[in-house]
C-alpha atoms as a PDB file:
ATOM      1  CA  MET A   1      79.971 110.452 117.202  1.00  0.00           C
ATOM      2  CA  THR A   2      77.294 108.365 118.805  1.00  0.00           C
ATOM      3  CA  ARG A   3      75.196 105.415 117.000  1.00  0.00           C
ATOM      4  CA  GLU A   4      71.858 106.852 117.589  1.00  0.00           C
ATOM      5  CA  ARG A   5      73.520 110.140 115.786  1.00  0.00           C
ATOM      6  CA  LEU A   6      74.647 108.137 113.073  1.00  0.00           C
ATOM      7  CA  THR A   7      71.728 106.511 112.596  1.00  0.00           C
ATOM      8  CA  GLY A   8      69.718 110.014 112.641  1.00  0.00           C
ATOM      9  CA  ALA A   9      72.190 111.054 110.209  1.00  0.00           C
ATOM     10  CA  GLY A  10      71.432 108.223 107.763  1.00  0.00           C
ATOM     11  CA  VAL A  11      67.441 108.154 108.136  1.00  0.00           C
ATOM     12  CA  LEU A  12      67.658 112.122 107.396  1.00  0.00           C
ATOM     13  CA  ILE A  13      69.627 111.713 104.458  1.00  0.00           C
ATOM     14  CA  LEU A  14      67.000 108.663 103.020  1.00  0.00           C
ATOM     15  CA  GLY A  15      64.064 111.107 103.867  1.00  0.00           C
ATOM     16  CA  LEU A  16      65.615 113.961 102.007  1.00  0.00           C
ATOM     17  CA  LEU A  17      66.649 111.757  99.026  1.00  0.00           C
ATOM     18  CA  ILE A  18      62.870 110.494  98.985  1.00  0.00           C
ATOM     19  CA  PHE A  19      61.735 113.918  99.430  1.00  0.00           C
ATOM     20  CA  PHE A  20      63.752 115.400  96.914  1.00  0.00           C
ATOM     21  CA  LEU A  21      64.826 113.094  94.266  1.00  0.00           C
ATOM     22  CA  LEU A  22      62.543 109.756  94.309  1.00  0.00           C
ATOM     23  CA  ILE A  23      59.198 111.546  94.709  1.00  0.00           C
ATOM     24  CA  PRO A  24      59.188 114.268  92.284  1.00  0.00           C
ATOM     25  CA  ARG A  25      61.135 111.731  89.638  1.00  0.00           C
ATOM     26  CA  GLY A  26      59.051 108.619  90.379  1.00  0.00           C
ATOM     27  CA  ILE A  27      55.440 109.973  90.995  1.00  0.00           C
ATOM     28  CA  ASP A  28      53.319 111.449  87.944  1.00  0.00           C
ATOM     29  CA  LYS A  29      51.622 114.371  89.427  1.00  0.00           C
ATOM     30  CA  PRO A  30      48.989 116.100  86.936  1.00  0.00           C
ATOM     31  CA  GLY A  31      49.125 120.055  86.174  1.00  0.00           C
ATOM     32  CA  SER A  32      45.709 120.881  88.631  1.00  0.00           C
ATOM     33  CA  VAL A  33      44.472 118.942  91.186  1.00  0.00           C
ATOM     34  CA  GLU A  34      41.494 119.994  92.797  1.00  0.00           C
ATOM     35  CA  HIS A  35      42.294 119.088  96.250  1.00  0.00           C
ATOM     36  CA  ALA A  36      46.120 118.946  97.531  1.00  0.00           C
ATOM     37  CA  ALA A  37      45.152 116.055  99.913  1.00  0.00           C
ATOM     38  CA  LEU A  38      44.322 113.756  96.720  1.00  0.00           C
ATOM     39  CA  ALA A  39      47.050 114.928  94.779  1.00  0.00           C
ATOM     40  CA  PRO A  40      49.118 111.268  94.195  1.00  0.00           C
ATOM     41  CA  ASP A  41      52.431 112.539  95.784  1.00  0.00           C
ATOM     42  CA  PHE A  42      50.552 114.067  98.582  1.00  0.00           C
ATOM     43  CA  TRP A  43      50.977 111.100 101.032  1.00  0.00           C
ATOM     44  CA  PRO A  44      54.417 109.893 100.200  1.00  0.00           C
ATOM     45  CA  LYS A  45      55.470 113.783 100.972  1.00  0.00           C
ATOM     46  CA  ILE A  46      53.825 113.348 104.037  1.00  0.00           C
ATOM     47  CA  ILE A  47      55.629 109.954 104.939  1.00  0.00           C
ATOM     48  CA  ALA A  48      59.008 111.323 103.620  1.00  0.00           C
ATOM     49  CA  ALA A  49      58.496 114.912 105.957  1.00  0.00           C
ATOM     50  CA  ILE A  50      57.984 112.358 109.055  1.00  0.00           C
ATOM     51  CA  ILE A  51      61.088 110.475 107.899  1.00  0.00           C
ATOM     52  CA  ILE A  52      63.146 113.777 107.621  1.00  0.00           C
ATOM     53  CA  LEU A  53      61.697 114.906 111.190  1.00  0.00           C
ATOM     54  CA  MET A  54      62.674 111.805 113.014  1.00  0.00           C
ATOM     55  CA  GLY A  55      66.283 111.799 111.291  1.00  0.00           C
ATOM     56  CA  LEU A  56      66.594 115.628 112.869  1.00  0.00           C
ATOM     57  CA  LEU A  57      65.087 114.588 116.309  1.00  0.00           C
ATOM     58  CA  LEU A  58      67.930 111.759 116.387  1.00  0.00           C
ATOM     59  CA  THR A  59      70.891 113.589 115.202  1.00  0.00           C
ATOM     60  CA  VAL A  60      69.948 116.738 117.470  1.00  0.00           C
ATOM     61  CA  LYS A  61      69.470 114.592 120.750  1.00  0.00           C
ATOM     62  CA  PRO A  62      70.810 116.755 123.440  1.00  0.00           C
ATOM     63  CA  ALA A  63      74.276 115.786 125.121  1.00  0.00           C
ATOM     64  CA  GLU A  64      73.057 114.663 128.445  1.00  0.00           C
ATOM     65  CA  GLU A  65      71.389 111.587 126.865  1.00  0.00           C
ATOM     66  CA  GLU A  66      74.000 110.454 124.598  1.00  0.00           C
ATOM     67  CA  ASP A  67      75.183 106.811 124.317  1.00  0.00           C
ATOM     68  CA  GLU A  68      78.507 105.297 124.398  1.00  0.00           C
ATOM     69  CA  GLU A  69      80.494 106.436 121.506  1.00  0.00           C
ATOM     70  CA  ILE A  70      81.011 103.849 118.827  1.00  0.00           C
ATOM     71  CA  GLU A  71      84.983 102.895 118.773  1.00  0.00           C
ATOM     72  CA  GLY A  72      86.023 100.911 115.597  1.00  0.00           C
ATOM     73  CA  GLY A  73      82.817 100.078 113.814  1.00  0.00           C
ATOM     74  CA  GLY A  74      80.873  99.161 116.842  1.00  0.00           C
ATOM     75  CA  ASP A  75      79.049  95.840 117.320  1.00  0.00           C
ATOM     76  CA  ALA A  76      79.634  93.339 114.458  1.00  0.00           C
ATOM     77  CA  GLY A  77      77.576  90.670 115.439  1.00  0.00           C
ATOM     78  CA  GLY A  78      74.550  92.847 116.460  1.00  0.00           C
ATOM     79  CA  TRP A  79      72.976  93.234 113.013  1.00  0.00           C
ATOM     80  CA  LEU A  80      73.320  89.351 112.168  1.00  0.00           C
ATOM     81  CA  GLN A  81      71.159  88.684 115.517  1.00  0.00           C
ATOM     82  CA  ARG A  82      68.262  91.575 114.241  1.00  0.00           C
ATOM     83  CA  LEU A  83      68.544  89.732 110.729  1.00  0.00           C
ATOM     84  CA  PRO A  84      65.979  86.744 111.338  1.00  0.00           C
ATOM     85  CA  GLY A  85      63.198  89.592 112.511  1.00  0.00           C
ATOM     86  CA  LEU A  86      64.344  91.723 109.326  1.00  0.00           C
ATOM     87  CA  ALA A  87      63.490  88.572 107.625  1.00  0.00           C
ATOM     88  CA  VAL A  88      60.292  88.078 108.989  1.00  0.00           C
ATOM     89  CA  ALA A  89      59.091  91.775 108.868  1.00  0.00           C
ATOM     90  CA  LEU A  90      60.016  91.615 104.862  1.00  0.00           C
ATOM     91  CA  GLY A  91      58.925  88.070 103.957  1.00  0.00           C
ATOM     92  CA  THR A  92      55.555  89.418 105.832  1.00  0.00           C
ATOM     93  CA  LEU A  93      55.029  92.390 103.556  1.00  0.00           C
ATOM     94  CA  PHE A  94      55.951  90.509 100.278  1.00  0.00           C
ATOM     95  CA  ALA A  95      53.112  88.243 101.635  1.00  0.00           C
ATOM     96  CA  PHE A  96      50.665  91.278 102.071  1.00  0.00           C
ATOM     97  CA  TYR A  97      51.802  92.526  98.785  1.00  0.00           C
ATOM     98  CA  PHE A  98      50.823  89.378  96.733  1.00  0.00           C
ATOM     99  CA  LEU A  99      47.643  88.916  98.603  1.00  0.00           C
ATOM    100  CA  ILE A 100      45.975  92.075  97.614  1.00  0.00           C
ATOM    101  CA  PRO A 101      44.755  91.050  94.228  1.00  0.00           C
ATOM    102  CA  LEU A 102      43.261  87.739  96.048  1.00  0.00           C
ATOM    103  CA  LEU A 103      42.133  89.306  99.140  1.00  0.00           C
ATOM    104  CA  GLY A 104      42.242  92.902  99.043  1.00  0.00           C
ATOM    105  CA  MET A 105      44.039  95.138 101.738  1.00  0.00           C
ATOM    106  CA  VAL A 106      41.725  95.102 104.497  1.00  0.00           C
ATOM    107  CA  VAL A 107      41.825  91.456 105.322  1.00  0.00           C
ATOM    108  CA  PRO A 108      45.685  90.992 104.729  1.00  0.00           C
ATOM    109  CA  GLY A 109      46.224  94.349 106.621  1.00  0.00           C
ATOM    110  CA  MET A 110      44.097  92.864 109.673  1.00  0.00           C
ATOM    111  CA  VAL A 111      46.384  89.402 109.612  1.00  0.00           C
ATOM    112  CA  MET A 112      49.475  91.537 108.834  1.00  0.00           C
ATOM    113  CA  ALA A 113      49.132  93.602 111.931  1.00  0.00           C
ATOM    114  CA  LEU A 114      48.361  91.196 114.363  1.00  0.00           C
ATOM    115  CA  GLY A 115      50.639  88.636 113.053  1.00  0.00           C
ATOM    116  CA  LEU A 116      53.703  91.648 113.368  1.00  0.00           C
ATOM    117  CA  MET A 117      52.241  92.352 117.212  1.00  0.00           C
ATOM    118  CA  VAL A 118      52.437  88.561 118.336  1.00  0.00           C
ATOM    119  CA  TYR A 119      55.961  88.236 116.534  1.00  0.00           C
ATOM    120  CA  ALA A 120      56.922  91.688 118.757  1.00  0.00           C
ATOM    121  CA  GLY A 121      55.818  90.003 121.624  1.00  0.00           C
ATOM    122  CA  GLU A 122      52.347  91.604 122.248  1.00  0.00           C
ATOM    123  CA  ARG A 123      50.443  89.185 124.459  1.00  0.00           C
ATOM    124  CA  ARG A 124      47.107  91.493 125.162  1.00  0.00           C
ATOM    125  CA  TRP A 125      44.863  89.861 123.008  1.00  0.00           C
ATOM    126  CA  PRO A 126      41.860  92.185 123.186  1.00  0.00           C
ATOM    127  CA  ARG A 127      44.050  95.373 122.408  1.00  0.00           C
ATOM    128  CA  GLY A 128      45.708  93.582 119.697  1.00  0.00           C
ATOM    129  CA  ILE A 129      42.740  92.482 117.809  1.00  0.00           C
ATOM    130  CA  ALA A 130      40.973  95.935 118.398  1.00  0.00           C
ATOM    131  CA  ILE A 131      43.878  97.380 116.699  1.00  0.00           C
ATOM    132  CA  ALA A 132      44.578  94.923 113.902  1.00  0.00           C
ATOM    133  CA  ALA A 133      40.908  94.867 112.738  1.00  0.00           C
ATOM    134  CA  GLY A 134      40.275  98.916 113.435  1.00  0.00           C
ATOM    135  CA  VAL A 135      42.713 100.243 111.802  1.00  0.00           C
ATOM    136  CA  PRO A 136      42.404  98.692 108.346  1.00  0.00           C
ATOM    137  CA  ILE A 137      38.883  99.332 108.405  1.00  0.00           C
ATOM    138  CA  LEU A 138      39.085 103.020 109.589  1.00  0.00           C
ATOM    139  CA  LEU A 139      41.584 103.567 106.585  1.00  0.00           C
ATOM    140  CA  TYR A 140      39.127 101.626 104.264  1.00  0.00           C
ATOM    141  CA  PHE A 141      36.088 103.890 105.074  1.00  0.00           C
ATOM    142  CA  PHE A 142      38.285 106.937 104.845  1.00  0.00           C
ATOM    143  CA  PHE A 143      39.966 106.468 101.670  1.00  0.00           C
ATOM    144  CA  VAL A 144      36.655 105.114 100.185  1.00  0.00           C
ATOM    145  CA  TYR A 145      34.012 107.544 101.480  1.00  0.00           C
ATOM    146  CA  VAL A 146      36.040 110.559 102.619  1.00  0.00           C
ATOM    147  CA  ALA A 147      39.044 110.689  99.960  1.00  0.00           C
ATOM    148  CA  SER A 148      36.913 109.014  97.268  1.00  0.00           C
ATOM    149  CA  ILE A 149      39.885 106.387  96.257  1.00  0.00           C
ATOM    150  CA  PRO A 150      38.877 103.067  95.705  1.00  0.00           C
ATOM    151  CA  ILE A 151      40.777 100.558  97.843  1.00  0.00           C
ATOM    152  CA  PRO A 152      41.165  96.900  96.427  1.00  0.00           C
ATOM    153  CA  LEU A 153      38.821  94.333  98.007  1.00  0.00           C
ATOM    154  CA  GLY A 154      39.807  91.527  95.971  1.00  0.00           C
ATOM    155  CA  VAL A 155      37.390  88.369  96.568  1.00  0.00           C
ATOM    156  CA  PHE A 156      35.259  90.633  98.963  1.00  0.00           C
ATOM    157  CA  GLU A 157      34.247  93.382  95.877  1.00  0.00           C
ATOM    158  CA  ILE A 158      30.780  91.844  95.795  1.00  0.00           C
ATOM    159  CA  LEU A 159      30.590  93.484  99.602  1.00  0.00           C
ATOM    160  CA  ARG A 160      31.135  96.965  98.341  1.00  0.00           C
ATOM    161  CA  GLY A 161      27.520  97.494  96.972  1.00  0.00           C
END
């Protein structure tokens, strides 16, 4: 079995566990919800379904695109080379989490997105800044004005009006 198919199987299993075990046990759902999109488990289920789909796509990859077979466990040092990148990503996510009460979600989201793009090698500054600023702002407007779900703004709460 190829490395990509093994990864796909792992992603598929993870998605199924999230969808069928973690979401039903970890998210309290009220008896009746006016709109399905406003149910507390709606977006986690969407994300879990996407994870399941990605796992399926990796697992059922056509034979002509096969990678080299894994022999004896594969590249033992490959994950060590990727460990610093993983540490940077996890550190960034933890910093984002702890900055939410102070600065809200929009400003740290912009900084995190731009920082991760630069770390990943993006050098087209106008595009990176537009994406890093635009996506959190669009998400804010969607959740606050379309879905009527308040998003924390931290010290910028006075701008809410």
